[in-house]
Amino acid sequence: MKLALLAALSLAVGCGPDGKRVTVIQVEDETVGPVAPTVPGAEALSFAAADGVAIHGSYWAPDRATAACVVFAHQLSSTRAEYVPVIARLKGQAHLYAIDLRGHGASTQGPDGALTWKGFTAEDWLQLEDDLRGALDAVRGKGAGEACVVVGASIGSSAALRLAGAAPGRVTGVVLLSPGLNYRGLATPDAARATRAPVLIVHSQESGAVDAATALANILRDAPTPVDVIADPGTAHGMKIVAGDPATLDRVVAFIAARLGA
C-alpha cells in the first residue's frame, strides 16, 4: 500500500512554470453512519436516448434561479441511489440530475423490449456517452445551463470523461470515482487529452486502481486546468470510497461546489 501511495505522489512532480499542477490529497480510512435511501424533493425526469432507450432519473430543483447543474452517472450494476450522500449535501445549490444508466434500475426498456447490462456488447456500452449528453439536454430543459459538472463512478466515470473530451464546452468539471483506462471498451486516454474541465480523481488501493489513476493524471497534467487526486488507503470502489469516508465526501462536495459558478 505504501508503494502504491508513493507512486501516486509522484504525480505531483514536474509541474510547469505556468502553475499547472496535479495535487495528490491523502486521506485516512474513516467510517460514516448510514444515510437515508433517498433525498426528499426529487422529481422524476426521463428522456429518450438517441436509439430509443428510455433513460429514467431523479431531478432536484435549486432553491433559487441558477444555471448551475450536476449530472450523476453510477457504476456498473448499481443505480442512481448510490449518489444520495453527495446529493443530500448539494441539494438546493444547483440543478441536480441522477440517472439510471441503460440496462440498470428503471432504465431497462428499449424500442425492442427489455434490456439488461448483463447482455451488453461493446457497442451498447459506447452509448453511455450519448446518454449523458441526453441527460445534459434534459436538465437544460428544467432551466439549467448548457454546461454541467459531471460525476461518474467506475464505468460512469468513463462515460463522463469521454463526454468531457468530446464536448468540452458542456462540462465545467469532472469527478472520476475509480476511473479506468479501457473498461468494457470505453477507452479514456484520448478523452483525457481532449478535456478542458478541471478534474478530480478519487481512487483506492484496489487492484489496478492506482495504475489507472496514475496514467490518467499524467495525461491530464498537460491539460490547461488543474487536476486533484484523492488517494484513499482502503480498497473500496466508486461511491463506496466517498460514502465511507467523511473527509473524502467533504472534498468531493467542495470540488463540485467550486465548479458550480464556472
Protein backbone atom coordinates (compact mmCIF):
# COMPACT_ATOMS: atom_id res chain seq x y z
CA MET A 1 0.00 0.00 0.00
CA LYS A 2 2.87 2.40 0.81
CA LEU A 3 4.40 1.72 -2.59
CA ALA A 4 1.09 2.47 -4.28
CA LEU A 5 0.77 5.75 -2.42
CA LEU A 6 4.31 6.71 -3.35
CA ALA A 7 3.50 6.03 -7.00
CA ALA A 8 0.51 8.31 -6.73
CA LEU A 9 2.53 11.02 -5.01
CA SER A 10 4.95 11.07 -7.92
CA LEU A 11 2.16 12.66 -9.97
CA ALA A 12 2.81 15.97 -8.24
CA VAL A 13 6.31 16.17 -9.66
CA GLY A 14 7.10 18.09 -12.82
CA CYS A 15 4.68 20.99 -12.66
CA GLY A 16 5.47 23.67 -15.23
CA PRO A 17 6.14 27.37 -14.70
CA ASP A 18 2.54 28.19 -15.61
CA GLY A 19 1.45 26.72 -12.27
CA LYS A 20 -0.31 23.71 -13.82
CA ARG A 21 -0.50 21.09 -11.13
CA VAL A 22 -1.57 17.62 -10.17
CA THR A 23 -2.31 17.69 -6.45
CA VAL A 24 -2.47 14.39 -4.58
CA ILE A 25 -4.62 14.57 -1.45
CA GLN A 26 -4.05 11.81 1.10
CA VAL A 27 -6.92 10.77 3.33
CA GLU A 28 -7.30 8.18 6.07
CA ASP A 29 -9.88 5.43 6.25
CA GLU A 30 -12.92 6.51 8.22
CA THR A 31 -16.48 5.30 8.60
CA VAL A 32 -19.74 7.13 8.28
CA GLY A 33 -23.19 6.21 9.55
CA PRO A 34 -25.98 5.01 7.25
CA VAL A 35 -27.65 7.63 5.08
CA ALA A 36 -31.26 7.96 4.02
CA PRO A 37 -32.03 5.89 0.90
CA THR A 38 -33.46 8.94 -0.86
CA VAL A 39 -33.19 12.71 -0.79
CA PRO A 40 -36.59 14.45 -0.34
CA GLY A 41 -37.93 16.70 -3.07
CA ALA A 42 -36.95 14.58 -6.07
CA GLU A 43 -38.92 14.82 -9.29
CA ALA A 44 -38.98 12.00 -11.85
CA LEU A 45 -37.29 13.10 -15.07
CA SER A 46 -36.90 10.83 -18.07
CA PHE A 47 -35.82 11.16 -21.69
CA ALA A 48 -35.45 9.00 -24.77
CA ALA A 49 -31.86 8.21 -25.73
CA ALA A 50 -30.71 8.55 -29.31
CA ASP A 51 -31.51 4.89 -30.01
CA GLY A 52 -34.88 4.98 -28.25
CA VAL A 53 -33.90 3.55 -24.87
CA ALA A 54 -35.85 5.19 -22.06
CA ILE A 55 -33.47 6.73 -19.51
CA HIS A 56 -35.04 7.44 -16.13
CA GLY A 57 -33.69 9.58 -13.33
CA SER A 58 -34.35 11.81 -10.34
CA TYR A 59 -34.12 15.59 -10.52
CA TRP A 60 -33.80 18.12 -7.71
CA ALA A 61 -34.50 21.77 -8.48
CA PRO A 62 -32.34 24.53 -6.99
CA ASP A 63 -33.65 26.78 -4.25
CA ARG A 64 -33.12 29.89 -6.38
CA ALA A 65 -32.68 30.72 -10.04
CA THR A 66 -29.33 29.44 -11.32
CA ALA A 67 -27.89 27.81 -14.41
CA ALA A 68 -25.55 25.62 -12.32
CA CYS A 69 -26.10 21.89 -12.70
CA VAL A 70 -24.66 18.49 -11.81
CA VAL A 71 -25.32 15.20 -13.60
CA PHE A 72 -24.50 11.86 -11.95
CA ALA A 73 -23.65 8.52 -13.63
CA HIS A 74 -23.34 5.47 -11.37
CA GLN A 75 -21.11 2.41 -11.59
CA LEU A 76 -21.81 -0.98 -13.16
CA SER A 77 -24.64 -3.00 -11.57
CA SER A 78 -25.72 -0.05 -9.38
CA THR A 79 -28.36 2.70 -9.65
CA ARG A 80 -28.72 6.46 -9.18
CA ALA A 81 -29.37 5.84 -5.46
CA GLU A 82 -25.64 5.45 -4.78
CA TYR A 83 -25.25 9.23 -5.03
CA VAL A 84 -27.56 10.04 -2.11
CA PRO A 85 -24.68 11.18 0.18
CA VAL A 86 -23.44 13.74 -2.36
CA ILE A 87 -26.88 14.90 -3.49
CA ALA A 88 -28.00 15.41 0.12
CA ARG A 89 -25.10 17.84 0.57
CA LEU A 90 -25.65 19.72 -2.70
CA LYS A 91 -29.44 19.88 -2.70
CA GLY A 92 -30.72 23.39 -3.33
CA GLN A 93 -27.44 24.75 -4.73
CA ALA A 94 -27.93 23.66 -8.34
CA HIS A 95 -30.00 21.60 -10.73
CA LEU A 96 -29.15 18.01 -9.74
CA TYR A 97 -29.93 15.05 -12.01
CA ALA A 98 -29.02 11.43 -11.25
CA ILE A 99 -29.87 8.87 -13.90
CA ASP A 100 -30.10 5.10 -14.02
CA LEU A 101 -27.73 4.08 -16.80
CA ARG A 102 -29.19 1.99 -19.60
CA GLY A 103 -29.77 -1.59 -18.52
CA HIS A 104 -29.83 -0.60 -14.84
CA GLY A 105 -32.52 0.35 -12.34
CA ALA A 106 -35.56 1.79 -14.11
CA SER A 107 -33.77 2.27 -17.45
CA THR A 108 -34.42 -1.22 -18.80
CA GLN A 109 -36.79 -0.63 -21.71
CA GLY A 110 -35.76 -0.01 -25.29
CA PRO A 111 -37.52 0.04 -28.66
CA ASP A 112 -37.06 -3.74 -28.90
CA GLY A 113 -38.21 -4.54 -25.37
CA ALA A 114 -36.46 -5.19 -22.09
CA LEU A 115 -32.69 -4.84 -21.78
CA THR A 116 -30.10 -5.52 -19.11
CA TRP A 117 -26.45 -4.57 -18.84
CA LYS A 118 -25.50 -8.23 -18.41
CA GLY A 119 -26.10 -8.80 -22.12
CA PHE A 120 -24.46 -5.62 -23.40
CA THR A 121 -21.94 -5.61 -26.22
CA ALA A 122 -19.09 -3.10 -26.58
CA GLU A 123 -21.37 -1.10 -28.89
CA ASP A 124 -24.05 -0.94 -26.19
CA TRP A 125 -21.57 0.46 -23.66
CA LEU A 126 -20.44 3.12 -26.11
CA GLN A 127 -23.97 4.55 -25.95
CA LEU A 128 -23.36 5.74 -22.37
CA GLU A 129 -21.57 8.87 -23.56
CA ASP A 130 -24.57 9.89 -25.67
CA ASP A 131 -26.89 9.06 -22.77
CA LEU A 132 -25.00 11.55 -20.59
CA ARG A 133 -25.28 14.14 -23.36
CA GLY A 134 -29.03 13.46 -23.34
CA ALA A 135 -29.08 13.95 -19.57
CA LEU A 136 -27.48 17.38 -20.01
CA ASP A 137 -30.18 18.24 -22.53
CA ALA A 138 -32.92 17.00 -20.19
CA VAL A 139 -31.73 19.06 -17.22
CA ARG A 140 -31.28 22.05 -19.51
CA GLY A 141 -34.99 21.76 -20.20
CA LYS A 142 -35.54 22.38 -16.48
CA GLY A 143 -33.68 25.69 -16.60
CA ALA A 144 -30.06 24.56 -16.24
CA GLY A 145 -27.29 25.95 -18.38
CA GLU A 146 -25.57 24.43 -21.38
CA ALA A 147 -22.72 23.04 -19.27
CA CYS A 148 -22.77 20.99 -16.06
CA VAL A 149 -20.42 19.30 -13.66
CA VAL A 150 -20.48 15.58 -14.44
CA VAL A 151 -19.82 12.98 -11.75
CA GLY A 152 -19.15 9.38 -12.70
CA ALA A 153 -18.23 6.19 -10.86
CA SER A 154 -16.32 3.35 -12.50
CA ILE A 155 -17.91 2.85 -15.93
CA GLY A 156 -19.93 6.02 -15.29
CA SER A 157 -16.62 7.86 -14.92
CA SER A 158 -15.50 6.51 -18.30
CA ALA A 159 -18.64 7.93 -19.91
CA ALA A 160 -18.22 11.23 -18.03
CA LEU A 161 -14.61 11.68 -19.15
CA ARG A 162 -15.43 10.72 -22.74
CA LEU A 163 -18.19 13.33 -22.78
CA ALA A 164 -15.85 15.95 -21.33
CA GLY A 165 -13.36 15.21 -24.08
CA ALA A 166 -15.90 15.12 -26.91
CA ALA A 167 -17.93 18.15 -25.81
CA PRO A 168 -15.64 20.30 -23.61
CA GLY A 169 -17.99 23.28 -23.77
CA ARG A 170 -20.68 21.30 -22.00
CA VAL A 171 -18.70 20.19 -18.95
CA THR A 172 -17.48 22.59 -16.25
CA GLY A 173 -15.89 19.95 -14.04
CA VAL A 174 -15.46 16.19 -13.90
CA VAL A 175 -15.36 13.89 -10.88
CA LEU A 176 -13.93 10.45 -11.66
CA LEU A 177 -14.51 7.84 -8.95
CA SER A 178 -12.42 4.69 -9.55
CA PRO A 179 -11.75 5.52 -13.21
CA GLY A 180 -10.39 3.02 -15.72
CA LEU A 181 -8.43 3.24 -18.95
CA ASN A 182 -10.49 0.92 -21.15
CA TYR A 183 -13.32 -0.59 -19.14
CA ARG A 184 -15.86 -2.52 -21.21
CA GLY A 185 -14.38 -0.92 -24.33
CA LEU A 186 -14.78 2.67 -23.11
CA ALA A 187 -11.26 3.99 -23.70
CA THR A 188 -10.45 7.17 -21.80
CA PRO A 189 -6.86 8.31 -22.54
CA ASP A 190 -7.78 10.31 -25.67
CA ALA A 191 -10.70 11.87 -23.80
CA ALA A 192 -8.34 12.89 -21.00
CA ARG A 193 -6.11 14.62 -23.55
CA ALA A 194 -9.07 16.50 -25.02
CA THR A 195 -10.87 17.59 -21.85
CA ARG A 196 -10.65 21.22 -20.77
CA ALA A 197 -12.53 20.94 -17.48
CA PRO A 198 -10.97 20.71 -14.01
CA VAL A 199 -10.81 17.08 -12.91
CA LEU A 200 -10.98 15.34 -9.54
CA ILE A 201 -9.83 11.70 -9.48
CA VAL A 202 -10.76 9.56 -6.48
CA HIS A 203 -9.27 6.08 -6.21
CA SER A 204 -8.46 3.47 -3.60
CA GLN A 205 -5.73 0.84 -3.50
CA GLU A 206 -7.85 -1.90 -5.08
CA SER A 207 -6.21 -3.91 -7.83
CA GLY A 208 -5.43 -1.76 -10.88
CA ALA A 209 -6.83 1.45 -9.40
CA VAL A 210 -3.52 3.21 -8.75
CA ASP A 211 -2.15 2.37 -12.19
CA ALA A 212 -5.26 3.68 -13.96
CA ALA A 213 -5.41 6.85 -11.86
CA THR A 214 -1.69 7.44 -12.34
CA ALA A 215 -1.94 7.08 -16.12
CA LEU A 216 -4.91 9.44 -16.39
CA ALA A 217 -3.40 12.02 -14.05
CA ASN A 218 -0.16 12.02 -16.02
CA ILE A 219 -2.13 12.69 -19.20
CA LEU A 220 -4.27 15.35 -17.54
CA ARG A 221 -1.18 17.07 -16.14
CA ASP A 222 -0.63 18.50 -19.63
CA ALA A 223 -4.20 19.81 -19.86
CA PRO A 224 -4.88 23.53 -19.25
CA THR A 225 -6.72 23.05 -15.97
CA PRO A 226 -5.69 21.62 -12.55
CA VAL A 227 -6.13 18.02 -11.57
CA ASP A 228 -6.70 16.84 -8.00
CA VAL A 229 -6.22 13.22 -6.93
CA ILE A 230 -7.61 11.73 -3.74
CA ALA A 231 -5.69 8.53 -2.95
CA ASP A 232 -7.71 6.59 -0.40
CA PRO A 233 -5.72 3.95 1.51
CA GLY A 234 -8.59 1.45 1.53
CA THR A 235 -9.84 -0.90 -1.17
CA ALA A 236 -13.39 0.36 -1.73
CA HIS A 237 -14.71 1.10 -5.23
CA GLY A 238 -16.55 4.07 -6.71
CA MET A 239 -19.03 5.85 -4.46
CA LYS A 240 -18.25 3.42 -1.63
CA ILE A 241 -14.97 5.30 -1.19
CA VAL A 242 -16.86 8.57 -0.79
CA ALA A 243 -19.81 7.30 1.23
CA GLY A 244 -17.48 5.56 3.68
CA ASP A 245 -15.16 8.50 4.36
CA PRO A 246 -16.44 11.87 5.64
CA ALA A 247 -13.21 13.68 4.65
CA THR A 248 -13.43 12.42 1.08
CA LEU A 249 -17.12 13.30 0.91
CA ASP A 250 -16.27 16.84 2.05
CA ARG A 251 -13.62 17.20 -0.64
CA VAL A 252 -15.80 15.82 -3.42
CA VAL A 253 -18.66 18.15 -2.49
CA ALA A 254 -16.26 21.11 -2.23
CA PHE A 255 -14.81 20.39 -5.67
CA ILE A 256 -18.29 20.25 -7.21
CA ALA A 257 -19.47 23.38 -5.40
CA ALA A 258 -16.43 25.31 -6.65
CA ARG A 259 -17.32 24.42 -10.23
CA LEU A 260 -20.97 25.48 -9.98
CA GLY A 261 -20.14 29.10 -10.70
CA ALA A 262 -17.86 28.28 -13.64
